[in-house]
Amino acid sequence: MNTTTIARRVRRIALALGFTLSAAAVAAPVSLNVVDVAGNLQLTQKAIEAFRDKNPNLVSTVTFTNAPAPQLPG
């Protein structure tokens, strides 16, 4: 084997390993917590729930909370 062939094989192995690790990093669905302080939830809640229902591999649960602006977390 020459140096070019070895370099190509190493590059392919590195790419395969990178794809494997990146897939494992997003393997578990996430839980979202949405805090609505401006009343926008009336417009967006159904869209967020539809996304959750369509993508159960990305989002496991969504929790919605309504709070007045002075109680904004942070």
N, C-alpha and C. Protein backbone atom coordinates (compact mmCIF):
# COMPACT_ATOMS: atom_id res chain seq x y z
N MET A 1 0.83 -1.19 0.00
CA MET A 1 0.00 0.00 0.00
C MET A 1 0.88 1.25 0.00
N ASN A 2 0.42 2.21 -0.74
CA ASN A 2 1.16 3.47 -0.74
C ASN A 2 0.52 4.44 0.25
N THR A 3 1.15 5.56 0.41
CA THR A 3 0.71 6.56 1.39
C THR A 3 -0.67 7.12 1.06
N THR A 4 -0.97 7.30 -0.21
CA THR A 4 -2.27 7.85 -0.61
C THR A 4 -3.41 6.90 -0.24
N THR A 5 -3.22 5.62 -0.46
CA THR A 5 -4.25 4.63 -0.12
C THR A 5 -4.48 4.58 1.38
N ILE A 6 -3.44 4.63 2.16
CA ILE A 6 -3.57 4.62 3.62
C ILE A 6 -4.29 5.88 4.09
N ALA A 7 -3.94 7.01 3.52
CA ALA A 7 -4.60 8.27 3.91
C ALA A 7 -6.08 8.23 3.58
N ARG A 8 -6.44 7.66 2.45
CA ARG A 8 -7.87 7.54 2.09
C ARG A 8 -8.61 6.64 3.07
N ARG A 9 -8.00 5.54 3.44
CA ARG A 9 -8.65 4.63 4.39
C ARG A 9 -8.83 5.29 5.75
N VAL A 10 -7.82 5.99 6.20
CA VAL A 10 -7.91 6.69 7.49
C VAL A 10 -9.00 7.76 7.42
N ARG A 11 -9.09 8.48 6.33
CA ARG A 11 -10.12 9.50 6.16
C ARG A 11 -11.51 8.88 6.19
N ARG A 12 -11.69 7.74 5.52
CA ARG A 12 -12.99 7.06 5.52
C ARG A 12 -13.37 6.58 6.91
N ILE A 13 -12.41 6.04 7.62
CA ILE A 13 -12.67 5.57 8.99
C ILE A 13 -13.03 6.75 9.88
N ALA A 14 -12.33 7.86 9.74
CA ALA A 14 -12.63 9.04 10.55
C ALA A 14 -14.02 9.58 10.25
N LEU A 15 -14.41 9.61 8.98
CA LEU A 15 -15.75 10.06 8.61
C LEU A 15 -16.82 9.14 9.18
N ALA A 16 -16.61 7.84 9.06
CA ALA A 16 -17.58 6.88 9.59
C ALA A 16 -17.72 7.02 11.10
N LEU A 17 -16.61 7.19 11.78
CA LEU A 17 -16.64 7.37 13.23
C LEU A 17 -17.34 8.67 13.60
N GLY A 18 -17.09 9.72 12.86
CA GLY A 18 -17.75 11.00 13.12
C GLY A 18 -19.26 10.92 12.95
N PHE A 19 -19.71 10.25 11.89
CA PHE A 19 -21.16 10.08 11.68
C PHE A 19 -21.78 9.23 12.79
N THR A 20 -21.07 8.20 13.21
CA THR A 20 -21.58 7.34 14.27
C THR A 20 -21.72 8.10 15.58
N LEU A 21 -20.72 8.88 15.94
CA LEU A 21 -20.77 9.63 17.19
C LEU A 21 -21.81 10.74 17.14
N SER A 22 -21.97 11.39 15.99
CA SER A 22 -22.97 12.46 15.91
C SER A 22 -24.38 11.88 15.98
N ALA A 23 -24.60 10.70 15.44
CA ALA A 23 -25.92 10.07 15.54
C ALA A 23 -26.21 9.66 16.98
N ALA A 24 -25.20 9.21 17.70
CA ALA A 24 -25.40 8.82 19.09
C ALA A 24 -25.68 10.03 19.97
N ALA A 25 -25.16 11.18 19.60
CA ALA A 25 -25.35 12.38 20.41
C ALA A 25 -26.80 12.86 20.41
N VAL A 26 -27.55 12.57 19.37
CA VAL A 26 -28.95 12.99 19.29
C VAL A 26 -29.90 11.79 19.32
N ALA A 27 -29.48 10.72 19.96
CA ALA A 27 -30.26 9.49 19.94
C ALA A 27 -31.49 9.56 20.83
N ALA A 28 -31.47 10.33 21.89
CA ALA A 28 -32.60 10.36 22.82
C ALA A 28 -33.47 11.59 22.58
N PRO A 29 -34.79 11.41 22.57
CA PRO A 29 -35.69 12.56 22.43
C PRO A 29 -35.57 13.50 23.63
N VAL A 30 -35.83 14.76 23.41
CA VAL A 30 -35.72 15.76 24.47
C VAL A 30 -37.09 16.14 25.01
N SER A 31 -37.10 16.72 26.19
CA SER A 31 -38.31 17.25 26.80
C SER A 31 -38.22 18.77 26.75
N LEU A 32 -39.27 19.42 26.25
CA LEU A 32 -39.28 20.87 26.12
C LEU A 32 -40.17 21.50 27.18
N ASN A 33 -39.72 22.60 27.74
CA ASN A 33 -40.51 23.40 28.67
C ASN A 33 -40.68 24.79 28.05
N VAL A 34 -41.93 25.16 27.79
CA VAL A 34 -42.24 26.44 27.16
C VAL A 34 -42.93 27.32 28.18
N VAL A 35 -42.35 28.50 28.46
CA VAL A 35 -42.94 29.46 29.38
C VAL A 35 -43.47 30.63 28.56
N ASP A 36 -44.77 30.86 28.63
CA ASP A 36 -45.41 31.92 27.85
C ASP A 36 -45.71 33.11 28.76
N VAL A 37 -45.07 34.24 28.49
CA VAL A 37 -45.32 35.44 29.30
C VAL A 37 -45.98 36.55 28.47
N ALA A 38 -46.14 36.32 27.17
CA ALA A 38 -46.68 37.37 26.31
C ALA A 38 -48.01 36.99 25.66
N GLY A 39 -48.49 35.78 25.90
CA GLY A 39 -49.74 35.35 25.30
C GLY A 39 -49.59 34.75 23.92
N ASN A 40 -48.37 34.56 23.47
CA ASN A 40 -48.11 34.00 22.14
C ASN A 40 -48.48 32.52 22.06
N LEU A 41 -48.60 31.87 23.18
CA LEU A 41 -48.89 30.44 23.20
C LEU A 41 -50.22 30.12 22.52
N GLN A 42 -51.15 31.04 22.54
CA GLN A 42 -52.44 30.83 21.86
C GLN A 42 -52.23 30.59 20.37
N LEU A 43 -51.21 31.20 19.81
CA LEU A 43 -50.93 31.07 18.38
C LEU A 43 -50.01 29.89 18.06
N THR A 44 -49.13 29.53 18.98
CA THR A 44 -48.08 28.57 18.66
C THR A 44 -48.24 27.20 19.30
N GLN A 45 -49.10 27.04 20.28
CA GLN A 45 -49.19 25.78 21.01
C GLN A 45 -49.55 24.61 20.09
N LYS A 46 -50.52 24.79 19.22
CA LYS A 46 -50.93 23.70 18.33
C LYS A 46 -49.80 23.30 17.38
N ALA A 47 -49.03 24.26 16.92
CA ALA A 47 -47.91 23.96 16.03
C ALA A 47 -46.83 23.18 16.77
N ILE A 48 -46.55 23.56 18.01
CA ILE A 48 -45.55 22.84 18.80
C ILE A 48 -46.02 21.42 19.09
N GLU A 49 -47.29 21.25 19.44
CA GLU A 49 -47.83 19.92 19.69
C GLU A 49 -47.83 19.06 18.42
N ALA A 50 -48.12 19.67 17.28
CA ALA A 50 -48.09 18.93 16.02
C ALA A 50 -46.67 18.47 15.70
N PHE A 51 -45.68 19.33 15.96
CA PHE A 51 -44.29 18.95 15.74
C PHE A 51 -43.91 17.79 16.66
N ARG A 52 -44.32 17.86 17.93
CA ARG A 52 -44.05 16.77 18.88
C ARG A 52 -44.67 15.47 18.39
N ASP A 53 -45.92 15.51 17.94
CA ASP A 53 -46.60 14.31 17.48
C ASP A 53 -45.98 13.74 16.21
N LYS A 54 -45.50 14.61 15.35
CA LYS A 54 -44.91 14.18 14.09
C LYS A 54 -43.48 13.67 14.27
N ASN A 55 -42.79 14.11 15.31
CA ASN A 55 -41.37 13.76 15.53
C ASN A 55 -41.14 13.19 16.92
N PRO A 56 -41.71 12.03 17.24
CA PRO A 56 -41.50 11.47 18.57
C PRO A 56 -40.05 11.05 18.83
N ASN A 57 -39.27 10.88 17.78
CA ASN A 57 -37.86 10.55 17.95
C ASN A 57 -37.02 11.76 18.34
N LEU A 58 -37.58 12.98 18.20
CA LEU A 58 -36.86 14.20 18.57
C LEU A 58 -37.37 14.81 19.87
N VAL A 59 -38.70 14.79 20.07
CA VAL A 59 -39.32 15.44 21.24
C VAL A 59 -40.18 14.42 21.96
N SER A 60 -39.88 14.20 23.25
CA SER A 60 -40.68 13.23 24.01
C SER A 60 -41.89 13.90 24.65
N THR A 61 -41.68 15.01 25.34
CA THR A 61 -42.79 15.71 25.99
C THR A 61 -42.60 17.21 25.86
N VAL A 62 -43.73 17.92 25.95
CA VAL A 62 -43.71 19.38 25.95
C VAL A 62 -44.57 19.84 27.11
N THR A 63 -44.01 20.69 27.97
CA THR A 63 -44.74 21.25 29.10
C THR A 63 -44.94 22.74 28.84
N PHE A 64 -46.19 23.18 28.92
CA PHE A 64 -46.53 24.59 28.70
C PHE A 64 -46.86 25.24 30.03
N THR A 65 -46.32 26.44 30.27
CA THR A 65 -46.59 27.20 31.48
C THR A 65 -46.92 28.63 31.10
N ASN A 66 -47.99 29.16 31.66
CA ASN A 66 -48.35 30.57 31.47
C ASN A 66 -47.97 31.33 32.72
N ALA A 67 -47.30 32.47 32.54
CA ALA A 67 -46.89 33.29 33.68
C ALA A 67 -46.89 34.75 33.26
N PRO A 68 -47.19 35.65 34.18
CA PRO A 68 -47.08 37.08 33.86
C PRO A 68 -45.61 37.48 33.71
N ALA A 69 -45.36 38.53 32.97
CA ALA A 69 -43.99 38.95 32.67
C ALA A 69 -43.09 39.14 33.90
N PRO A 70 -43.58 39.67 35.03
CA PRO A 70 -42.67 39.81 36.18
C PRO A 70 -42.16 38.48 36.72
N GLN A 71 -42.84 37.38 36.41
CA GLN A 71 -42.40 36.07 36.89
C GLN A 71 -41.52 35.35 35.88
N LEU A 72 -41.08 36.04 34.85
CA LEU A 72 -40.25 35.44 33.82
C LEU A 72 -39.02 34.80 34.44
N PRO A 73 -38.76 33.51 34.16
CA PRO A 73 -37.58 32.86 34.74
C PRO A 73 -36.31 33.44 34.16
N GLY A 74 -35.26 33.38 34.93
CA GLY A 74 -34.00 33.80 34.37
C GLY A 74 -33.25 34.62 35.32
